[in-house]
């Protein structure tokens, strides 16, 4: 029988079978895994209600050196490790609150959360810390997705510039500068023609899933330091459509410092004129 995938091993029956198996193996370290599995099935009272099929998968996927036991703490560890490895769709609901997560869980998943005390009306400090760790997972996933979109946009700009340079008859290759040095203040070094001469073209690349981008003070300062040579490439994803905005056009969206207030980041919503 083919072992189930890890995403089908999230249940109390799987967790308890896994703990029984791990504890038996810790007491009999020289026993082959298959023999240990058969022994636990034979000796454990109530074994028929446990999911040892899923426990085999958990044994191959979970870190065996962690302190596995059937306590509430052990169950919280199991839920966390499963979520960390599987990254279920409902993980994105965590920043919105526990109730948003609760409504997205399956019956088996919800039982694990309840038994672990993670939905208690007045959670203990350990449960609160657990939720904070889970929230950190989604922040990491979101950051990874943002970086993936940013790199896609930069690749699209690089390809766009290769085609543009070829159409202009410029025998130069654009360079993916942010890949080599992310402190330069621009992402792509390309070229243009001005008064018959080939000049550099500095491109700051942005991606958006809507019509809004975030521009930092540092990015803007770099752009205005070379306003005639800098351009913003804004890629709408996933359709991969490009909006090219010169510094002069972007300037109308930039706030001014006032009194003791200094702007650091600005959300720029692109208008039809920008497009």
C-alpha atoms as a PDB file:
ATOM      1  CA  UNK A   1       0.000   0.000   0.000  1.00  0.00           C
ATOM      2  CA  UNK A   2       1.347   3.413  -0.954  1.00  0.00           C
ATOM      3  CA  UNK A   3       2.005   5.654   2.089  1.00  0.00           C
ATOM      4  CA  UNK A   4      -0.219   8.739   2.289  1.00  0.00           C
ATOM      5  CA  UNK A   5       1.265  12.135   1.560  1.00  0.00           C
ATOM      6  CA  UNK A   6       2.079  14.322   4.549  1.00  0.00           C
ATOM      7  CA  UNK A   7      -0.915  16.590   3.973  1.00  0.00           C
ATOM      8  CA  UNK A   8      -3.194  13.613   4.706  1.00  0.00           C
ATOM      9  CA  UNK A   9      -1.500  12.786   8.013  1.00  0.00           C
ATOM     10  CA  UNK A  10      -2.897  15.568  10.176  1.00  0.00           C
ATOM     11  CA  UNK A  11      -5.182  13.884  12.674  1.00  0.00           C
ATOM     12  CA  UNK A  12      -5.174  12.788  16.303  1.00  0.00           C
ATOM     13  CA  UNK A  13      -5.189   9.147  15.159  1.00  0.00           C
ATOM     14  CA  UNK A  14      -2.039   9.735  13.111  1.00  0.00           C
ATOM     15  CA  UNK A  15      -0.326  11.779  15.842  1.00  0.00           C
ATOM     16  CA  UNK A  16      -0.963   9.243  18.611  1.00  0.00           C
ATOM     17  CA  UNK A  17       0.161   6.352  16.399  1.00  0.00           C
ATOM     18  CA  UNK A  18       3.305   8.263  15.502  1.00  0.00           C
ATOM     19  CA  UNK A  19       4.120   8.949  19.176  1.00  0.00           C
ATOM     20  CA  UNK A  20       3.575   5.305  20.121  1.00  0.00           C
ATOM     21  CA  UNK A  21       5.866   4.206  17.330  1.00  0.00           C
ATOM     22  CA  UNK A  22       8.598   6.737  18.173  1.00  0.00           C
ATOM     23  CA  UNK A  23       8.539   5.906  21.866  1.00  0.00           C
ATOM     24  CA  UNK A  24       8.706   2.179  21.146  1.00  0.00           C
ATOM     25  CA  UNK A  25      11.680   2.699  18.846  1.00  0.00           C
ATOM     26  CA  UNK A  26      13.436   4.820  21.484  1.00  0.00           C
ATOM     27  CA  UNK A  27      13.129   1.910  23.925  1.00  0.00           C
ATOM     28  CA  UNK A  28      14.237  -0.635  21.309  1.00  0.00           C
ATOM     29  CA  UNK A  29      16.726   1.267  19.108  1.00  0.00           C
ATOM     30  CA  UNK A  30      18.223  -1.880  17.582  1.00  0.00           C
ATOM     31  CA  UNK A  31      14.857  -3.187  16.377  1.00  0.00           C
ATOM     32  CA  UNK A  32      14.188  -2.771  12.635  1.00  0.00           C
ATOM     33  CA  UNK A  33      11.460  -0.258  11.862  1.00  0.00           C
ATOM     34  CA  UNK A  34       9.082  -2.796  10.310  1.00  0.00           C
ATOM     35  CA  UNK A  35       9.348  -5.088  13.335  1.00  0.00           C
ATOM     36  CA  UNK A  36       8.788  -2.171  15.703  1.00  0.00           C
ATOM     37  CA  UNK A  37       5.688  -1.198  13.750  1.00  0.00           C
ATOM     38  CA  UNK A  38       4.286  -4.737  13.917  1.00  0.00           C
ATOM     39  CA  UNK A  39       5.049  -4.950  17.645  1.00  0.00           C
ATOM     40  CA  UNK A  40       3.284  -1.692  18.475  1.00  0.00           C
ATOM     41  CA  UNK A  41       0.229  -2.717  16.487  1.00  0.00           C
ATOM     42  CA  UNK A  42       0.131  -6.021  18.330  1.00  0.00           C
ATOM     43  CA  UNK A  43       0.871  -4.809  21.852  1.00  0.00           C
ATOM     44  CA  UNK A  44      -0.853  -1.414  22.017  1.00  0.00           C
ATOM     45  CA  UNK A  45      -4.328  -1.478  23.539  1.00  0.00           C
ATOM     46  CA  UNK A  46      -6.746   0.293  21.243  1.00  0.00           C
ATOM     47  CA  UNK A  47      -4.291   0.176  18.332  1.00  0.00           C
ATOM     48  CA  UNK A  48      -7.128  -0.428  15.892  1.00  0.00           C
ATOM     49  CA  UNK A  49      -8.240   3.173  16.358  1.00  0.00           C
ATOM     50  CA  UNK A  50      -4.829   4.593  15.487  1.00  0.00           C
ATOM     51  CA  UNK A  51      -3.608   5.467  11.996  1.00  0.00           C
ATOM     52  CA  UNK A  52      -0.286   3.653  11.762  1.00  0.00           C
ATOM     53  CA  UNK A  53      -0.342   3.975   7.985  1.00  0.00           C
ATOM     54  CA  UNK A  54      -0.051   7.747   8.396  1.00  0.00           C
ATOM     55  CA  UNK A  55       2.404   7.290  11.277  1.00  0.00           C
ATOM     56  CA  UNK A  56       4.870   5.661   8.863  1.00  0.00           C
ATOM     57  CA  UNK A  57       4.814   8.801   6.708  1.00  0.00           C
ATOM     58  CA  UNK A  58       5.192  11.041   9.749  1.00  0.00           C
ATOM     59  CA  UNK A  59       8.182   8.980  10.876  1.00  0.00           C
ATOM     60  CA  UNK A  60       9.910   9.602   7.563  1.00  0.00           C
ATOM     61  CA  UNK A  61       9.100  13.324   7.406  1.00  0.00           C
ATOM     62  CA  UNK A  62       9.315  14.666  10.968  1.00  0.00           C
ATOM     63  CA  UNK A  63      12.547  15.331  12.826  1.00  0.00           C
ATOM     64  CA  UNK A  64      13.080  12.282  15.016  1.00  0.00           C
ATOM     65  CA  UNK A  65      15.276  14.171  17.481  1.00  0.00           C
ATOM     66  CA  UNK A  66      12.465  16.445  18.640  1.00  0.00           C
ATOM     67  CA  UNK A  67      10.798  15.656  22.001  1.00  0.00           C
ATOM     68  CA  UNK A  68       7.782  13.748  20.743  1.00  0.00           C
ATOM     69  CA  UNK A  69       5.164  12.712  23.338  1.00  0.00           C
ATOM     70  CA  UNK A  70       1.393  12.646  23.655  1.00  0.00           C
ATOM     71  CA  UNK A  71       1.177  15.670  25.989  1.00  0.00           C
ATOM     72  CA  UNK A  72      -0.410  18.956  24.997  1.00  0.00           C
ATOM     73  CA  UNK A  73       3.072  20.337  24.431  1.00  0.00           C
ATOM     74  CA  UNK A  74       3.919  17.399  22.183  1.00  0.00           C
ATOM     75  CA  UNK A  75       0.733  17.898  20.196  1.00  0.00           C
ATOM     76  CA  UNK A  76       1.497  21.600  19.724  1.00  0.00           C
ATOM     77  CA  UNK A  77       4.927  20.634  18.454  1.00  0.00           C
ATOM     78  CA  UNK A  78       3.321  18.193  16.017  1.00  0.00           C
ATOM     79  CA  UNK A  79       0.848  20.785  14.696  1.00  0.00           C
ATOM     80  CA  UNK A  80       3.603  23.367  14.270  1.00  0.00           C
ATOM     81  CA  UNK A  81       5.952  21.000  12.443  1.00  0.00           C
ATOM     82  CA  UNK A  82       3.166  19.767  10.176  1.00  0.00           C
ATOM     83  CA  UNK A  83       2.161  23.338   9.305  1.00  0.00           C
ATOM     84  CA  UNK A  84       5.774  24.326   8.729  1.00  0.00           C
ATOM     85  CA  UNK A  85       6.358  21.439   6.316  1.00  0.00           C
ATOM     86  CA  UNK A  86       3.017  21.418   4.488  1.00  0.00           C
ATOM     87  CA  UNK A  87       2.286  25.176   4.378  1.00  0.00           C
ATOM     88  CA  UNK A  88      -1.493  24.603   4.048  1.00  0.00           C
ATOM     89  CA  UNK A  89      -3.652  27.168   2.259  1.00  0.00           C
ATOM     90  CA  UNK A  90      -5.288  28.277   5.509  1.00  0.00           C
ATOM     91  CA  UNK A  91      -1.895  29.406   6.833  1.00  0.00           C
ATOM     92  CA  UNK A  92      -2.516  32.725   5.070  1.00  0.00           C
ATOM     93  CA  UNK A  93      -5.464  33.325   7.378  1.00  0.00           C
ATOM     94  CA  UNK A  94      -3.317  33.368  10.523  1.00  0.00           C
ATOM     95  CA  UNK A  95      -2.622  37.150  10.493  1.00  0.00           C
ATOM     96  CA  UNK A  96      -6.404  37.751  10.481  1.00  0.00           C
ATOM     97  CA  UNK A  97      -6.953  35.863  13.742  1.00  0.00           C
ATOM     98  CA  UNK A  98      -7.748  32.420  15.134  1.00  0.00           C
ATOM     99  CA  UNK A  99     -11.388  32.452  14.084  1.00  0.00           C
ATOM    100  CA  UNK A 100     -10.398  32.827  10.433  1.00  0.00           C
ATOM    101  CA  UNK A 101      -8.192  29.751  10.797  1.00  0.00           C
ATOM    102  CA  UNK A 102     -10.844  27.754  12.656  1.00  0.00           C
ATOM    103  CA  UNK A 103     -13.403  28.122   9.873  1.00  0.00           C
ATOM    104  CA  UNK A 104     -10.949  26.820   7.273  1.00  0.00           C
ATOM    105  CA  UNK A 105      -9.882  23.640   9.061  1.00  0.00           C
ATOM    106  CA  UNK A 106     -11.064  20.122   8.357  1.00  0.00           C
ATOM    107  CA  UNK A 107     -12.702  18.153  11.168  1.00  0.00           C
ATOM    108  CA  UNK A 108      -9.459  16.258  11.899  1.00  0.00           C
ATOM    109  CA  UNK A 109      -7.370  19.431  11.840  1.00  0.00           C
ATOM    110  CA  UNK A 110      -9.769  21.262  14.134  1.00  0.00           C
ATOM    111  CA  UNK A 111      -9.661  18.372  16.617  1.00  0.00           C
ATOM    112  CA  UNK A 112      -5.856  18.598  16.782  1.00  0.00           C
ATOM    113  CA  UNK A 113      -6.053  22.339  17.447  1.00  0.00           C
ATOM    114  CA  UNK A 114      -8.658  21.862  20.156  1.00  0.00           C
ATOM    115  CA  UNK A 115      -6.791  19.029  21.882  1.00  0.00           C
ATOM    116  CA  UNK A 116      -3.647  21.165  21.809  1.00  0.00           C
ATOM    117  CA  UNK A 117      -5.483  23.993  23.567  1.00  0.00           C
ATOM    118  CA  UNK A 118      -4.863  26.398  20.727  1.00  0.00           C
ATOM    119  CA  UNK A 119      -8.458  27.608  20.504  1.00  0.00           C
ATOM    120  CA  UNK A 120      -9.065  28.096  24.226  1.00  0.00           C
ATOM    121  CA  UNK A 121     -10.876  31.293  25.188  1.00  0.00           C
ATOM    122  CA  UNK A 122      -8.024  32.299  27.494  1.00  0.00           C
ATOM    123  CA  UNK A 123      -4.913  30.730  25.951  1.00  0.00           C
ATOM    124  CA  UNK A 124      -1.815  30.232  28.085  1.00  0.00           C
ATOM    125  CA  UNK A 125       1.476  31.966  27.363  1.00  0.00           C
ATOM    126  CA  UNK A 126       2.817  28.956  25.500  1.00  0.00           C
ATOM    127  CA  UNK A 127      -0.209  28.924  23.183  1.00  0.00           C
ATOM    128  CA  UNK A 128       0.200  32.639  22.449  1.00  0.00           C
ATOM    129  CA  UNK A 129       3.880  32.063  21.674  1.00  0.00           C
ATOM    130  CA  UNK A 130       2.821  29.173  19.397  1.00  0.00           C
ATOM    131  CA  UNK A 131       0.522  31.445  17.388  1.00  0.00           C
ATOM    132  CA  UNK A 132       3.321  34.008  17.103  1.00  0.00           C
ATOM    133  CA  UNK A 133       5.608  31.309  15.674  1.00  0.00           C
ATOM    134  CA  UNK A 134       2.936  30.333  13.157  1.00  0.00           C
ATOM    135  CA  UNK A 135       2.501  33.988  12.156  1.00  0.00           C
ATOM    136  CA  UNK A 136       6.246  34.144  11.541  1.00  0.00           C
ATOM    137  CA  UNK A 137       5.869  31.255   9.085  1.00  0.00           C
ATOM    138  CA  UNK A 138       3.364  33.148   6.976  1.00  0.00           C
ATOM    139  CA  UNK A 139       5.495  36.272   7.039  1.00  0.00           C
ATOM    140  CA  UNK A 140       8.340  34.191   5.714  1.00  0.00           C
ATOM    141  CA  UNK A 141       6.124  32.704   3.001  1.00  0.00           C
ATOM    142  CA  UNK A 142       4.827  36.127   1.999  1.00  0.00           C
ATOM    143  CA  UNK A 143       8.353  37.535   1.879  1.00  0.00           C
ATOM    144  CA  UNK A 144       9.430  34.624  -0.308  1.00  0.00           C
ATOM    145  CA  UNK A 145       6.524  35.237  -2.683  1.00  0.00           C
ATOM    146  CA  UNK A 146       7.349  38.937  -2.874  1.00  0.00           C
ATOM    147  CA  UNK A 147      10.946  38.125  -3.720  1.00  0.00           C
ATOM    148  CA  UNK A 148       9.811  35.640  -6.368  1.00  0.00           C
ATOM    149  CA  UNK A 149       7.591  38.299  -7.964  1.00  0.00           C
ATOM    150  CA  UNK A 150      10.390  40.862  -7.766  1.00  0.00           C
ATOM    151  CA  UNK A 151      12.821  38.526  -9.510  1.00  0.00           C
ATOM    152  CA  UNK A 152      10.243  37.700 -12.182  1.00  0.00           C
ATOM    153  CA  UNK A 153       9.710  41.414 -12.851  1.00  0.00           C
ATOM    154  CA  UNK A 154      13.470  41.963 -13.113  1.00  0.00           C
ATOM    155  CA  UNK A 155      13.788  39.067 -15.562  1.00  0.00           C
ATOM    156  CA  UNK A 156      10.958  40.558 -17.626  1.00  0.00           C
ATOM    157  CA  UNK A 157      12.695  43.946 -17.659  1.00  0.00           C
ATOM    158  CA  UNK A 158      15.965  42.345 -18.693  1.00  0.00           C
ATOM    159  CA  UNK A 159      14.270  40.604 -21.615  1.00  0.00           C
ATOM    160  CA  UNK A 160      12.383  43.778 -22.544  1.00  0.00           C
ATOM    161  CA  UNK A 161      15.616  45.762 -22.621  1.00  0.00           C
ATOM    162  CA  UNK A 162      17.387  43.168 -24.739  1.00  0.00           C
ATOM    163  CA  UNK A 163      14.643  43.498 -27.341  1.00  0.00           C
ATOM    164  CA  UNK A 164      14.602  47.306 -27.110  1.00  0.00           C
ATOM    165  CA  UNK A 165      18.383  47.577 -27.523  1.00  0.00           C
ATOM    166  CA  UNK A 166      18.244  45.274 -30.537  1.00  0.00           C
ATOM    167  CA  UNK A 167      15.510  47.423 -32.093  1.00  0.00           C
ATOM    168  CA  UNK A 168      17.680  50.535 -31.573  1.00  0.00           C
ATOM    169  CA  UNK A 169      20.721  48.864 -33.070  1.00  0.00           C
ATOM    170  CA  UNK A 170      22.667  49.162 -29.813  1.00  0.00           C
ATOM    171  CA  UNK A 171      25.103  46.277 -29.595  1.00  0.00           C
ATOM    172  CA  UNK A 172      25.224  46.198 -25.818  1.00  0.00           C
ATOM    173  CA  UNK A 173      23.738  43.793 -23.296  1.00  0.00           C
ATOM    174  CA  UNK A 174      21.663  45.034 -20.340  1.00  0.00           C
ATOM    175  CA  UNK A 175      23.032  43.995 -16.977  1.00  0.00           C
ATOM    176  CA  UNK A 176      21.072  42.575 -14.035  1.00  0.00           C
ATOM    177  CA  UNK A 177      22.748  44.744 -11.419  1.00  0.00           C
ATOM    178  CA  UNK A 178      20.578  43.905  -8.378  1.00  0.00           C
ATOM    179  CA  UNK A 179      21.596  40.288  -8.744  1.00  0.00           C
ATOM    180  CA  UNK A 180      25.221  41.266  -8.203  1.00  0.00           C
ATOM    181  CA  UNK A 181      24.880  44.254  -5.855  1.00  0.00           C
ATOM    182  CA  UNK A 182      21.537  45.186  -4.299  1.00  0.00           C
ATOM    183  CA  UNK A 183      22.880  48.468  -2.898  1.00  0.00           C
ATOM    184  CA  UNK A 184      23.343  50.340  -6.163  1.00  0.00           C
ATOM    185  CA  UNK A 185      19.911  51.961  -6.145  1.00  0.00           C
ATOM    186  CA  UNK A 186      18.687  50.462  -9.408  1.00  0.00           C
ATOM    187  CA  UNK A 187      18.001  46.970 -10.714  1.00  0.00           C
ATOM    188  CA  UNK A 188      18.888  46.945 -14.419  1.00  0.00           C
ATOM    189  CA  UNK A 189      21.645  48.806 -16.237  1.00  0.00           C
ATOM    190  CA  UNK A 190      20.611  49.350 -19.831  1.00  0.00           C
ATOM    191  CA  UNK A 191      21.430  51.830 -22.546  1.00  0.00           C
ATOM    192  CA  UNK A 192      19.848  54.479 -24.743  1.00  0.00           C
ATOM    193  CA  UNK A 193      20.770  56.879 -27.517  1.00  0.00           C
ATOM    194  CA  UNK A 194      21.124  60.607 -26.785  1.00  0.00           C
ATOM    195  CA  UNK A 195      22.456  63.084 -29.352  1.00  0.00           C
ATOM    196  CA  UNK A 196      23.894  60.180 -31.297  1.00  0.00           C
ATOM    197  CA  UNK A 197      25.729  58.779 -28.317  1.00  0.00           C
ATOM    198  CA  UNK A 198      25.072  55.595 -26.351  1.00  0.00           C
ATOM    199  CA  UNK A 199      24.312  56.519 -22.733  1.00  0.00           C
ATOM    200  CA  UNK A 200      23.436  54.486 -19.676  1.00  0.00           C
ATOM    201  CA  UNK A 201      19.819  53.898 -18.651  1.00  0.00           C
ATOM    202  CA  UNK A 202      19.132  53.040 -14.999  1.00  0.00           C
ATOM    203  CA  UNK A 203      15.972  51.021 -14.363  1.00  0.00           C
ATOM    204  CA  UNK A 204      14.231  50.578 -11.020  1.00  0.00           C
ATOM    205  CA  UNK A 205      11.908  47.585 -11.359  1.00  0.00           C
ATOM    206  CA  UNK A 206       8.642  47.165  -9.458  1.00  0.00           C
ATOM    207  CA  UNK A 207       5.924  44.527  -9.564  1.00  0.00           C
ATOM    208  CA  UNK A 208       2.297  44.781  -8.528  1.00  0.00           C
ATOM    209  CA  UNK A 209      -0.733  42.516  -8.335  1.00  0.00           C
ATOM    210  CA  UNK A 210      -3.006  45.568  -8.482  1.00  0.00           C
ATOM    211  CA  UNK A 211      -2.191  49.183  -9.375  1.00  0.00           C
ATOM    212  CA  UNK A 212      -0.157  50.131  -6.303  1.00  0.00           C
ATOM    213  CA  UNK A 213       3.578  50.000  -5.713  1.00  0.00           C
ATOM    214  CA  UNK A 214       5.694  50.878  -2.678  1.00  0.00           C
ATOM    215  CA  UNK A 215       8.547  53.298  -3.285  1.00  0.00           C
ATOM    216  CA  UNK A 216      11.168  53.871  -0.598  1.00  0.00           C
ATOM    217  CA  UNK A 217      12.877  57.155   0.163  1.00  0.00           C
ATOM    218  CA  UNK A 218      16.197  55.620  -0.831  1.00  0.00           C
ATOM    219  CA  UNK A 219      14.863  54.472  -4.208  1.00  0.00           C
ATOM    220  CA  UNK A 220      13.472  57.918  -4.898  1.00  0.00           C
ATOM    221  CA  UNK A 221      16.685  59.667  -3.848  1.00  0.00           C
ATOM    222  CA  UNK A 222      18.637  57.457  -6.220  1.00  0.00           C
ATOM    223  CA  UNK A 223      16.214  58.202  -9.047  1.00  0.00           C
ATOM    224  CA  UNK A 224      16.338  61.993  -8.645  1.00  0.00           C
ATOM    225  CA  UNK A 225      20.135  61.892  -8.497  1.00  0.00           C
ATOM    226  CA  UNK A 226      20.042  60.917 -12.202  1.00  0.00           C
ATOM    227  CA  UNK A 227      16.557  61.970 -13.341  1.00  0.00           C
ATOM    228  CA  UNK A 228      17.207  61.991 -17.082  1.00  0.00           C
ATOM    229  CA  UNK A 229      18.850  58.560 -17.058  1.00  0.00           C
ATOM    230  CA  UNK A 230      16.475  56.763 -14.667  1.00  0.00           C
ATOM    231  CA  UNK A 231      13.145  55.134 -15.469  1.00  0.00           C
ATOM    232  CA  UNK A 232      10.711  53.023 -13.445  1.00  0.00           C
ATOM    233  CA  UNK A 233       9.521  49.715 -14.864  1.00  0.00           C
ATOM    234  CA  UNK A 234       6.272  48.626 -13.222  1.00  0.00           C
ATOM    235  CA  UNK A 235       5.111  45.133 -14.150  1.00  0.00           C
ATOM    236  CA  UNK A 236       1.508  44.155 -13.577  1.00  0.00           C
ATOM    237  CA  UNK A 237       1.402  40.496 -12.606  1.00  0.00           C
ATOM    238  CA  UNK A 238       0.374  37.888 -13.470  1.00  0.00           C
ATOM    239  CA  UNK A 239      -0.546  39.415 -16.874  1.00  0.00           C
ATOM    240  CA  UNK A 240       3.041  40.658 -17.321  1.00  0.00           C
ATOM    241  CA  UNK A 241       2.121  44.059 -18.741  1.00  0.00           C
ATOM    242  CA  UNK A 242       4.694  46.839 -18.453  1.00  0.00           C
ATOM    243  CA  UNK A 243       4.149  50.447 -17.397  1.00  0.00           C
ATOM    244  CA  UNK A 244       7.211  52.627 -17.953  1.00  0.00           C
ATOM    245  CA  UNK A 245       7.308  55.796 -15.863  1.00  0.00           C
ATOM    246  CA  UNK A 246      10.006  58.474 -16.122  1.00  0.00           C
ATOM    247  CA  UNK A 247      11.202  60.252 -12.987  1.00  0.00           C
ATOM    248  CA  UNK A 248       9.392  63.483 -13.906  1.00  0.00           C
ATOM    249  CA  UNK A 249       6.042  61.656 -14.082  1.00  0.00           C
ATOM    250  CA  UNK A 250       6.660  59.809 -10.809  1.00  0.00           C
ATOM    251  CA  UNK A 251       7.491  63.087  -9.043  1.00  0.00           C
ATOM    252  CA  UNK A 252       3.827  64.092  -8.861  1.00  0.00           C
ATOM    253  CA  UNK A 253       3.162  61.123  -6.574  1.00  0.00           C
ATOM    254  CA  UNK A 254       5.953  61.861  -4.094  1.00  0.00           C
ATOM    255  CA  UNK A 255       5.060  63.556  -0.768  1.00  0.00           C
ATOM    256  CA  UNK A 256       6.973  66.441   0.769  1.00  0.00           C
ATOM    257  CA  UNK A 257       8.558  66.470   4.209  1.00  0.00           C
ATOM    258  CA  UNK A 258       6.753  68.817   6.592  1.00  0.00           C
ATOM    259  CA  UNK A 259       7.776  70.112  10.021  1.00  0.00           C
ATOM    260  CA  UNK A 260       9.402  67.279  11.912  1.00  0.00           C
ATOM    261  CA  UNK A 261       7.848  64.652   9.633  1.00  0.00           C
ATOM    262  CA  UNK A 262      10.014  62.830   7.107  1.00  0.00           C
ATOM    263  CA  UNK A 263       8.496  60.319   4.695  1.00  0.00           C
ATOM    264  CA  UNK A 264      10.205  56.924   4.373  1.00  0.00           C
ATOM    265  CA  UNK A 265       7.940  54.907   2.098  1.00  0.00           C
ATOM    266  CA  UNK A 266       5.095  55.929  -0.171  1.00  0.00           C
ATOM    267  CA  UNK A 267       2.323  53.833  -1.675  1.00  0.00           C
ATOM    268  CA  UNK A 268       1.833  55.018  -5.257  1.00  0.00           C
ATOM    269  CA  UNK A 269      -1.430  54.096  -6.962  1.00  0.00           C
ATOM    270  CA  UNK A 270      -0.967  54.285 -10.688  1.00  0.00           C
ATOM    271  CA  UNK A 271      -3.501  56.259 -12.665  1.00  0.00           C
ATOM    272  CA  UNK A 272      -4.637  55.958 -16.260  1.00  0.00           C
ATOM    273  CA  UNK A 273      -2.193  58.742 -17.127  1.00  0.00           C
ATOM    274  CA  UNK A 274       0.696  56.622 -15.866  1.00  0.00           C
ATOM    275  CA  UNK A 275      -0.369  53.787 -18.079  1.00  0.00           C
END
